[in-house]
Amino acid sequence: MWDLNDVTETEYKGDCCRVVFDDGTSGDVDFSQYLDRGPVFAPLHDLSFFQQARIEGGTISWPNGADIAPDLSEQVEQTGQTVNPPAQHRAKDRA
């Protein structure tokens, strides 16, 4: 049986998000790995849309229905260190 943790907080931080789970685990997650996983994630390339992330059903979702699997907690280590160092995937948004 899976013991998945719910997201309780998320905060945008540059190229990643700080994520806190209901068990106190927290860390920075780079979402660039999701950006090219199909058309539902394409709008996340737009920084203003990406920042509209919200917590829904214990995971992170966006207004267009895109969401991240509830096993997101497995990507964040107990130490709170960055998992998957931030990529420069939104360089065009900074121009």
PDB file of N, CA and C in Angstrom:
ATOM      1  N   MET A   1       0.836  -1.182   0.000  1.00  0.00           N
ATOM      2  CA  MET A   1       0.000   0.000   0.000  1.00  0.00           C
ATOM      3  C   MET A   1       0.878   1.242   0.000  1.00  0.00           C
ATOM      4  N   TRP A   2       0.489   2.227  -0.787  1.00  0.00           N
ATOM      5  CA  TRP A   2       1.264   3.455  -0.877  1.00  0.00           C
ATOM      6  C   TRP A   2       0.987   4.362   0.297  1.00  0.00           C
ATOM      7  N   ASP A   3       2.014   5.056   0.745  1.00  0.00           N
ATOM      8  CA  ASP A   3       1.876   6.051   1.803  1.00  0.00           C
ATOM      9  C   ASP A   3       2.272   7.385   1.198  1.00  0.00           C
ATOM     10  N   LEU A   4       1.351   7.979   0.438  1.00  0.00           N
ATOM     11  CA  LEU A   4       1.637   9.224  -0.250  1.00  0.00           C
ATOM     12  C   LEU A   4       1.313  10.405   0.645  1.00  0.00           C
ATOM     13  N   ASN A   5       2.119  11.433   0.536  1.00  0.00           N
ATOM     14  CA  ASN A   5       1.918  12.631   1.326  1.00  0.00           C
ATOM     15  C   ASN A   5       1.252  13.706   0.496  1.00  0.00           C
ATOM     16  N   ASP A   6       0.377  14.466   1.133  1.00  0.00           N
ATOM     17  CA  ASP A   6      -0.295  15.575   0.459  1.00  0.00           C
ATOM     18  C   ASP A   6       0.552  16.832   0.529  1.00  0.00           C
ATOM     19  N   VAL A   7       0.495  17.616  -0.533  1.00  0.00           N
ATOM     20  CA  VAL A   7       1.139  18.927  -0.551  1.00  0.00           C
ATOM     21  C   VAL A   7       0.286  19.853   0.309  1.00  0.00           C
ATOM     22  N   THR A   8       0.935  20.594   1.215  1.00  0.00           N
ATOM     23  CA  THR A   8       0.213  21.545   2.052  1.00  0.00           C
ATOM     24  C   THR A   8       0.584  22.990   1.728  1.00  0.00           C
ATOM     25  N   GLU A   9       1.759  23.190   1.131  1.00  0.00           N
ATOM     26  CA  GLU A   9       2.204  24.534   0.764  1.00  0.00           C
ATOM     27  C   GLU A   9       3.046  24.452  -0.497  1.00  0.00           C
ATOM     28  N   THR A  10       2.986  25.491  -1.293  1.00  0.00           N
ATOM     29  CA  THR A  10       3.870  25.610  -2.442  1.00  0.00           C
ATOM     30  C   THR A  10       4.175  27.086  -2.650  1.00  0.00           C
ATOM     31  N   GLU A  11       5.406  27.354  -2.988  1.00  0.00           N
ATOM     32  CA  GLU A  11       5.836  28.732  -3.200  1.00  0.00           C
ATOM     33  C   GLU A  11       6.775  28.768  -4.400  1.00  0.00           C
ATOM     34  N   TYR A  12       6.489  29.640  -5.346  1.00  0.00           N
ATOM     35  CA  TYR A  12       7.325  29.790  -6.523  1.00  0.00           C
ATOM     36  C   TYR A  12       8.658  30.401  -6.120  1.00  0.00           C
ATOM     37  N   LYS A  13       9.768  29.803  -6.590  1.00  0.00           N
ATOM     38  CA  LYS A  13      11.115  30.289  -6.281  1.00  0.00           C
ATOM     39  C   LYS A  13      11.980  30.195  -7.531  1.00  0.00           C
ATOM     40  N   GLY A  14      11.970  31.230  -8.361  1.00  0.00           N
ATOM     41  CA  GLY A  14      12.817  31.205  -9.546  1.00  0.00           C
ATOM     42  C   GLY A  14      12.407  30.120 -10.498  1.00  0.00           C
ATOM     43  N   ASP A  15      13.284  29.176 -10.762  1.00  0.00           N
ATOM     44  CA  ASP A  15      13.013  28.091 -11.700  1.00  0.00           C
ATOM     45  C   ASP A  15      12.442  26.845 -11.035  1.00  0.00           C
ATOM     46  N   CYS A  16      12.037  26.954  -9.793  1.00  0.00           N
ATOM     47  CA  CYS A  16      11.486  25.793  -9.115  1.00  0.00           C
ATOM     48  C   CYS A  16      10.421  26.242  -8.126  1.00  0.00           C
ATOM     49  N   CYS A  17       9.842  25.303  -7.429  1.00  0.00           N
ATOM     50  CA  CYS A  17       8.854  25.590  -6.390  1.00  0.00           C
ATOM     51  C   CYS A  17       9.309  24.954  -5.092  1.00  0.00           C
ATOM     52  N   ARG A  18       9.119  25.671  -4.019  1.00  0.00           N
ATOM     53  CA  ARG A  18       9.312  25.109  -2.685  1.00  0.00           C
ATOM     54  C   ARG A  18       8.025  24.372  -2.362  1.00  0.00           C
ATOM     55  N   VAL A  19       8.111  23.113  -2.001  1.00  0.00           N
ATOM     56  CA  VAL A  19       6.932  22.298  -1.725  1.00  0.00           C
ATOM     57  C   VAL A  19       7.053  21.750  -0.307  1.00  0.00           C
ATOM     58  N   VAL A  20       5.954  21.842   0.454  1.00  0.00           N
ATOM     59  CA  VAL A  20       5.893  21.306   1.812  1.00  0.00           C
ATOM     60  C   VAL A  20       4.772  20.272   1.843  1.00  0.00           C
ATOM     61  N   PHE A  21       5.050  19.130   2.466  1.00  0.00           N
ATOM     62  CA  PHE A  21       4.090  18.037   2.556  1.00  0.00           C
ATOM     63  C   PHE A  21       3.533  17.911   3.970  1.00  0.00           C
ATOM     64  N   ASP A  22       2.442  17.182   4.108  1.00  0.00           N
ATOM     65  CA  ASP A  22       1.757  17.061   5.390  1.00  0.00           C
ATOM     66  C   ASP A  22       2.573  16.341   6.460  1.00  0.00           C
ATOM     67  N   ASP A  23       3.650  15.677   6.087  1.00  0.00           N
ATOM     68  CA  ASP A  23       4.509  15.039   7.084  1.00  0.00           C
ATOM     69  C   ASP A  23       5.690  15.921   7.470  1.00  0.00           C
ATOM     70  N   GLY A  24       5.719  17.160   6.952  1.00  0.00           N
ATOM     71  CA  GLY A  24       6.798  18.088   7.262  1.00  0.00           C
ATOM     72  C   GLY A  24       7.950  18.056   6.282  1.00  0.00           C
ATOM     73  N   THR A  25       7.980  17.063   5.399  1.00  0.00           N
ATOM     74  CA  THR A  25       9.010  17.000   4.368  1.00  0.00           C
ATOM     75  C   THR A  25       8.863  18.215   3.466  1.00  0.00           C
ATOM     76  N   SER A  26       9.988  18.806   3.091  1.00  0.00           N
ATOM     77  CA  SER A  26       9.930  19.946   2.179  1.00  0.00           C
ATOM     78  C   SER A  26      11.183  19.965   1.319  1.00  0.00           C
ATOM     79  N   GLY A  27      11.074  20.648   0.216  1.00  0.00           N
ATOM     80  CA  GLY A  27      12.220  20.778  -0.672  1.00  0.00           C
ATOM     81  C   GLY A  27      11.850  21.546  -1.917  1.00  0.00           C
ATOM     82  N   ASP A  28      12.837  21.835  -2.719  1.00  0.00           N
ATOM     83  CA  ASP A  28      12.648  22.548  -3.970  1.00  0.00           C
ATOM     84  C   ASP A  28      12.530  21.534  -5.096  1.00  0.00           C
ATOM     85  N   VAL A  29      11.511  21.696  -5.921  1.00  0.00           N
ATOM     86  CA  VAL A  29      11.274  20.771  -7.016  1.00  0.00           C
ATOM     87  C   VAL A  29      11.339  21.523  -8.331  1.00  0.00           C
ATOM     88  N   ASP A  30      12.115  21.019  -9.251  1.00  0.00           N
ATOM     89  CA  ASP A  30      12.230  21.562 -10.602  1.00  0.00           C
ATOM     90  C   ASP A  30      11.176  20.883 -11.465  1.00  0.00           C
ATOM     91  N   PHE A  31      10.240  21.665 -11.991  1.00  0.00           N
ATOM     92  CA  PHE A  31       9.150  21.109 -12.777  1.00  0.00           C
ATOM     93  C   PHE A  31       9.462  21.035 -14.273  1.00  0.00           C
ATOM     94  N   SER A  32      10.678  21.357 -14.670  1.00  0.00           N
ATOM     95  CA  SER A  32      11.008  21.348 -16.097  1.00  0.00           C
ATOM     96  C   SER A  32      10.831  19.966 -16.721  1.00  0.00           C
ATOM     97  N   GLN A  33      10.971  18.916 -15.922  1.00  0.00           N
ATOM     98  CA  GLN A  33      10.805  17.558 -16.453  1.00  0.00           C
ATOM     99  C   GLN A  33       9.380  17.287 -16.937  1.00  0.00           C
ATOM    100  N   TYR A  34       8.422  18.090 -16.498  1.00  0.00           N
ATOM    101  CA  TYR A  34       7.028  17.902 -16.892  1.00  0.00           C
ATOM    102  C   TYR A  34       6.629  18.720 -18.121  1.00  0.00           C
ATOM    103  N   LEU A  35       7.395  19.749 -18.455  1.00  0.00           N
ATOM    104  CA  LEU A  35       6.973  20.726 -19.461  1.00  0.00           C
ATOM    105  C   LEU A  35       6.725  20.161 -20.849  1.00  0.00           C
ATOM    106  N   ASP A  36       7.392  19.106 -21.214  1.00  0.00           N
ATOM    107  CA  ASP A  36       7.237  18.543 -22.550  1.00  0.00           C
ATOM    108  C   ASP A  36       6.536  17.180 -22.526  1.00  0.00           C
ATOM    109  N   ARG A  37       5.714  16.957 -21.535  1.00  0.00           N
ATOM    110  CA  ARG A  37       5.004  15.678 -21.395  1.00  0.00           C
ATOM    111  C   ARG A  37       3.594  15.737 -21.968  1.00  0.00           C
ATOM    112  N   GLY A  38       3.403  16.481 -23.003  1.00  0.00           N
ATOM    113  CA  GLY A  38       2.095  16.535 -23.637  1.00  0.00           C
ATOM    114  C   GLY A  38       1.507  17.931 -23.636  1.00  0.00           C
ATOM    115  N   PRO A  39       0.466  18.115 -24.421  1.00  0.00           N
ATOM    116  CA  PRO A  39      -0.103  19.447 -24.613  1.00  0.00           C
ATOM    117  C   PRO A  39      -0.680  20.086 -23.354  1.00  0.00           C
ATOM    118  N   VAL A  40      -1.127  19.291 -22.391  1.00  0.00           N
ATOM    119  CA  VAL A  40      -1.700  19.886 -21.186  1.00  0.00           C
ATOM    120  C   VAL A  40      -0.638  20.650 -20.383  1.00  0.00           C
ATOM    121  N   PHE A  41       0.630  20.256 -20.527  1.00  0.00           N
ATOM    122  CA  PHE A  41       1.702  20.931 -19.798  1.00  0.00           C
ATOM    123  C   PHE A  41       2.330  22.084 -20.581  1.00  0.00           C
ATOM    124  N   ALA A  42       2.047  22.221 -21.863  1.00  0.00           N
ATOM    125  CA  ALA A  42       2.638  23.277 -22.696  1.00  0.00           C
ATOM    126  C   ALA A  42       2.430  24.677 -22.122  1.00  0.00           C
ATOM    127  N   PRO A  43       1.260  25.024 -21.573  1.00  0.00           N
ATOM    128  CA  PRO A  43       1.085  26.366 -21.022  1.00  0.00           C
ATOM    129  C   PRO A  43       2.020  26.688 -19.853  1.00  0.00           C
ATOM    130  N   LEU A  44       2.598  25.664 -19.214  1.00  0.00           N
ATOM    131  CA  LEU A  44       3.498  25.907 -18.094  1.00  0.00           C
ATOM    132  C   LEU A  44       4.808  26.552 -18.528  1.00  0.00           C
ATOM    133  N   HIS A  45       5.079  26.575 -19.830  1.00  0.00           N
ATOM    134  CA  HIS A  45       6.253  27.294 -20.335  1.00  0.00           C
ATOM    135  C   HIS A  45       6.110  28.796 -20.107  1.00  0.00           C
ATOM    136  N   ASP A  46       4.875  29.279 -20.018  1.00  0.00           N
ATOM    137  CA  ASP A  46       4.593  30.694 -19.761  1.00  0.00           C
ATOM    138  C   ASP A  46       4.710  30.921 -18.252  1.00  0.00           C
ATOM    139  N   LEU A  47       5.653  31.731 -17.852  1.00  0.00           N
ATOM    140  CA  LEU A  47       5.939  31.947 -16.436  1.00  0.00           C
ATOM    141  C   LEU A  47       4.715  32.428 -15.665  1.00  0.00           C
ATOM    142  N   SER A  48       3.934  33.318 -16.238  1.00  0.00           N
ATOM    143  CA  SER A  48       2.762  33.817 -15.513  1.00  0.00           C
ATOM    144  C   SER A  48       1.740  32.703 -15.295  1.00  0.00           C
ATOM    145  N   PHE A  49       1.609  31.794 -16.246  1.00  0.00           N
ATOM    146  CA  PHE A  49       0.703  30.660 -16.070  1.00  0.00           C
ATOM    147  C   PHE A  49       1.273  29.680 -15.046  1.00  0.00           C
ATOM    148  N   PHE A  50       2.566  29.412 -15.133  1.00  0.00           N
ATOM    149  CA  PHE A  50       3.217  28.497 -14.198  1.00  0.00           C
ATOM    150  C   PHE A  50       2.991  28.951 -12.758  1.00  0.00           C
ATOM    151  N   GLN A  51       3.044  30.251 -12.536  1.00  0.00           N
ATOM    152  CA  GLN A  51       2.891  30.802 -11.193  1.00  0.00           C
ATOM    153  C   GLN A  51       1.453  30.709 -10.676  1.00  0.00           C
ATOM    154  N   GLN A  52       0.524  30.270 -11.486  1.00  0.00           N
ATOM    155  CA  GLN A  52      -0.859  30.098 -11.050  1.00  0.00           C
ATOM    156  C   GLN A  52      -1.091  28.741 -10.391  1.00  0.00           C
ATOM    157  N   ALA A  53      -0.023  28.037 -10.107  1.00  0.00           N
ATOM    158  CA  ALA A  53      -0.123  26.732  -9.457  1.00  0.00           C
ATOM    159  C   ALA A  53      -0.903  26.857  -8.159  1.00  0.00           C
ATOM    160  N   ARG A  54      -1.689  25.821  -7.880  1.00  0.00           N
ATOM    161  CA  ARG A  54      -2.468  25.789  -6.640  1.00  0.00           C
ATOM    162  C   ARG A  54      -2.474  24.353  -6.113  1.00  0.00           C
ATOM    163  N   ILE A  55      -2.846  24.209  -4.877  1.00  0.00           N
ATOM    164  CA  ILE A  55      -2.938  22.884  -4.271  1.00  0.00           C
ATOM    165  C   ILE A  55      -4.372  22.396  -4.429  1.00  0.00           C
ATOM    166  N   GLU A  56      -4.485  21.213  -4.986  1.00  0.00           N
ATOM    167  CA  GLU A  56      -5.804  20.632  -5.222  1.00  0.00           C
ATOM    168  C   GLU A  56      -5.691  19.117  -5.066  1.00  0.00           C
ATOM    169  N   GLY A  57      -6.466  18.557  -4.189  1.00  0.00           N
ATOM    170  CA  GLY A  57      -6.426  17.101  -3.992  1.00  0.00           C
ATOM    171  C   GLY A  57      -5.094  16.606  -3.457  1.00  0.00           C
ATOM    172  N   GLY A  58      -4.367  17.461  -2.740  1.00  0.00           N
ATOM    173  CA  GLY A  58      -3.092  17.053  -2.155  1.00  0.00           C
ATOM    174  C   GLY A  58      -1.912  17.127  -3.094  1.00  0.00           C
ATOM    175  N   THR A  59      -2.120  17.648  -4.294  1.00  0.00           N
ATOM    176  CA  THR A  59      -1.025  17.790  -5.243  1.00  0.00           C
ATOM    177  C   THR A  59      -1.091  19.171  -5.888  1.00  0.00           C
ATOM    178  N   ILE A  60      -0.172  19.465  -6.768  1.00  0.00           N
ATOM    179  CA  ILE A  60      -0.105  20.771  -7.410  1.00  0.00           C
ATOM    180  C   ILE A  60      -0.807  20.705  -8.758  1.00  0.00           C
ATOM    181  N   SER A  61      -1.670  21.690  -9.019  1.00  0.00           N
ATOM    182  CA  SER A  61      -2.399  21.721 -10.281  1.00  0.00           C
ATOM    183  C   SER A  61      -2.443  23.146 -10.816  1.00  0.00           C
ATOM    184  N   TRP A  62      -2.864  23.246 -12.078  1.00  0.00           N
ATOM    185  CA  TRP A  62      -2.975  24.534 -12.760  1.00  0.00           C
ATOM    186  C   TRP A  62      -4.386  24.681 -13.321  1.00  0.00           C
ATOM    187  N   PRO A  63      -4.787  25.925 -13.649  1.00  0.00           N
ATOM    188  CA  PRO A  63      -6.158  26.182 -14.113  1.00  0.00           C
ATOM    189  C   PRO A  63      -6.606  25.387 -15.336  1.00  0.00           C
ATOM    190  N   ASN A  64      -5.691  24.915 -16.157  1.00  0.00           N
ATOM    191  CA  ASN A  64      -6.073  24.173 -17.366  1.00  0.00           C
ATOM    192  C   ASN A  64      -6.267  22.677 -17.114  1.00  0.00           C
ATOM    193  N   GLY A  65      -6.145  22.241 -15.865  1.00  0.00           N
ATOM    194  CA  GLY A  65      -6.329  20.832 -15.539  1.00  0.00           C
ATOM    195  C   GLY A  65      -5.036  20.049 -15.412  1.00  0.00           C
ATOM    196  N   ALA A  66      -3.909  20.640 -15.759  1.00  0.00           N
ATOM    197  CA  ALA A  66      -2.623  19.964 -15.583  1.00  0.00           C
ATOM    198  C   ALA A  66      -2.376  19.772 -14.090  1.00  0.00           C
ATOM    199  N   ASP A  67      -1.863  18.613 -13.729  1.00  0.00           N
ATOM    200  CA  ASP A  67      -1.479  18.387 -12.347  1.00  0.00           C
ATOM    201  C   ASP A  67      -0.299  17.430 -12.303  1.00  0.00           C
ATOM    202  N   ILE A  68       0.323  17.388 -11.147  1.00  0.00           N
ATOM    203  CA  ILE A  68       1.494  16.550 -10.939  1.00  0.00           C
ATOM    204  C   ILE A  68       1.060  15.360 -10.094  1.00  0.00           C
ATOM    205  N   ALA A  69       1.535  14.198 -10.448  1.00  0.00           N
ATOM    206  CA  ALA A  69       1.149  12.969  -9.755  1.00  0.00           C
ATOM    207  C   ALA A  69       1.341  13.103  -8.244  1.00  0.00           C
ATOM    208  N   PRO A  70       0.467  12.461  -7.467  1.00  0.00           N
ATOM    209  CA  PRO A  70       0.574  12.566  -6.015  1.00  0.00           C
ATOM    210  C   PRO A  70       1.851  11.968  -5.435  1.00  0.00           C
ATOM    211  N   ASP A  71       2.613  11.222  -6.230  1.00  0.00           N
ATOM    212  CA  ASP A  71       3.868  10.661  -5.716  1.00  0.00           C
ATOM    213  C   ASP A  71       5.006  11.682  -5.762  1.00  0.00           C
ATOM    214  N   LEU A  72       4.653  12.954  -5.910  1.00  0.00           N
ATOM    215  CA  LEU A  72       5.641  14.039  -5.927  1.00  0.00           C
ATOM    216  C   LEU A  72       6.522  14.016  -4.687  1.00  0.00           C
ATOM    217  N   SER A  73       5.975  13.573  -3.552  1.00  0.00           N
ATOM    218  CA  SER A  73       6.749  13.548  -2.309  1.00  0.00           C
ATOM    219  C   SER A  73       7.971  12.656  -2.412  1.00  0.00           C
ATOM    220  N   GLU A  74       7.936  11.672  -3.295  1.00  0.00           N
ATOM    221  CA  GLU A  74       9.090  10.793  -3.462  1.00  0.00           C
ATOM    222  C   GLU A  74      10.265  11.532  -4.094  1.00  0.00           C
ATOM    223  N   GLN A  75      10.010  12.664  -4.745  1.00  0.00           N
ATOM    224  CA  GLN A  75      11.074  13.437  -5.380  1.00  0.00           C
ATOM    225  C   GLN A  75      11.774  14.365  -4.395  1.00  0.00           C
ATOM    226  N   VAL A  76      11.167  14.608  -3.270  1.00  0.00           N
ATOM    227  CA  VAL A  76      11.722  15.546  -2.298  1.00  0.00           C
ATOM    228  C   VAL A  76      12.353  14.764  -1.157  1.00  0.00           C
ATOM    229  N   GLU A  77      13.585  15.046  -0.896  1.00  0.00           N
ATOM    230  CA  GLU A  77      14.307  14.339   0.153  1.00  0.00           C
ATOM    231  C   GLU A  77      14.066  14.989   1.509  1.00  0.00           C
ATOM    232  N   GLN A  78      14.160  14.223   2.568  1.00  0.00           N
ATOM    233  CA  GLN A  78      13.930  14.712   3.926  1.00  0.00           C
ATOM    234  C   GLN A  78      14.831  15.896   4.295  1.00  0.00           C
ATOM    235  N   THR A  79      15.975  15.995   3.677  1.00  0.00           N
ATOM    236  CA  THR A  79      16.903  17.067   4.011  1.00  0.00           C
ATOM    237  C   THR A  79      16.446  18.419   3.486  1.00  0.00           C
ATOM    238  N   GLY A  80      15.464  18.423   2.575  1.00  0.00           N
ATOM    239  CA  GLY A  80      14.988  19.669   2.013  1.00  0.00           C
ATOM    240  C   GLY A  80      15.896  20.217   0.931  1.00  0.00           C
ATOM    241  N   GLN A  81      16.851  19.422   0.494  1.00  0.00           N
ATOM    242  CA  GLN A  81      17.740  19.911  -0.550  1.00  0.00           C
ATOM    243  C   GLN A  81      17.036  19.890  -1.894  1.00  0.00           C
ATOM    244  N   THR A  82      17.552  20.627  -2.842  1.00  0.00           N
ATOM    245  CA  THR A  82      16.949  20.679  -4.162  1.00  0.00           C
ATOM    246  C   THR A  82      17.042  19.322  -4.836  1.00  0.00           C
ATOM    247  N   VAL A  83      15.931  18.894  -5.398  1.00  0.00           N
ATOM    248  CA  VAL A  83      15.865  17.653  -6.150  1.00  0.00           C
ATOM    249  C   VAL A  83      15.820  18.050  -7.616  1.00  0.00           C
ATOM    250  N   ASN A  84      16.622  17.453  -8.465  1.00  0.00           N
ATOM    251  CA  ASN A  84      16.713  17.840  -9.874  1.00  0.00           C
ATOM    252  C   ASN A  84      17.071  19.327  -9.961  1.00  0.00           C
ATOM    253  N   PRO A  85      18.330  19.696  -9.921  1.00  0.00           N
ATOM    254  CA  PRO A  85      18.722  21.097  -9.928  1.00  0.00           C
ATOM    255  C   PRO A  85      17.973  21.884 -10.999  1.00  0.00           C
ATOM    256  N   PRO A  86      17.531  23.107 -10.678  1.00  0.00           N
ATOM    257  CA  PRO A  86      16.734  23.903 -11.605  1.00  0.00           C
ATOM    258  C   PRO A  86      17.384  24.058 -12.965  1.00  0.00           C
ATOM    259  N   ALA A  87      16.596  23.842 -13.993  1.00  0.00           N
ATOM    260  CA  ALA A  87      17.069  24.019 -15.365  1.00  0.00           C
ATOM    261  C   ALA A  87      16.684  25.408 -15.844  1.00  0.00           C
ATOM    262  N   GLN A  88      17.322  25.867 -16.869  1.00  0.00           N
ATOM    263  CA  GLN A  88      17.023  27.179 -17.424  1.00  0.00           C
ATOM    264  C   GLN A  88      15.958  27.025 -18.492  1.00  0.00           C
ATOM    265  N   HIS A  89      14.850  26.359 -18.158  1.00  0.00           N
ATOM    266  CA  HIS A  89      13.824  26.014 -19.140  1.00  0.00           C
ATOM    267  C   HIS A  89      12.912  27.167 -19.513  1.00  0.00           C
ATOM    268  N   ARG A  90      12.922  28.248 -18.769  1.00  0.00           N
ATOM    269  CA  ARG A  90      12.044  29.352 -19.103  1.00  0.00           C
ATOM    270  C   ARG A  90      12.836  30.608 -19.444  1.00  0.00           C
ATOM    271  N   ALA A  91      13.998  30.432 -20.056  1.00  0.00           N
ATOM    272  CA  ALA A  91      14.849  31.571 -20.403  1.00  0.00           C
ATOM    273  C   ALA A  91      14.115  32.565 -21.281  1.00  0.00           C
ATOM    274  N   LYS A  92      13.249  32.091 -22.177  1.00  0.00           N
ATOM    275  CA  LYS A  92      12.529  33.005 -23.051  1.00  0.00           C
ATOM    276  C   LYS A  92      11.594  33.913 -22.273  1.00  0.00           C
ATOM    277  N   ASP A  93      11.129  33.492 -21.092  1.00  0.00           N
ATOM    278  CA  ASP A  93      10.253  34.313 -20.266  1.00  0.00           C
ATOM    279  C   ASP A  93      10.998  35.411 -19.534  1.00  0.00           C
ATOM    280  N   ARG A  94      12.299  35.262 -19.441  1.00  0.00           N
ATOM    281  CA  ARG A  94      13.106  36.271 -18.753  1.00  0.00           C
ATOM    282  C   ARG A  94      13.599  37.354 -19.693  1.00  0.00           C
ATOM    283  N   ALA A  95      13.500  37.102 -20.977  1.00  0.00           N
ATOM    284  CA  ALA A  95      14.015  38.052 -21.967  1.00  0.00           C
ATOM    285  C   ALA A  95      13.202  39.319 -22.008  1.00  0.00           C
TER     286      ALA A  95
END
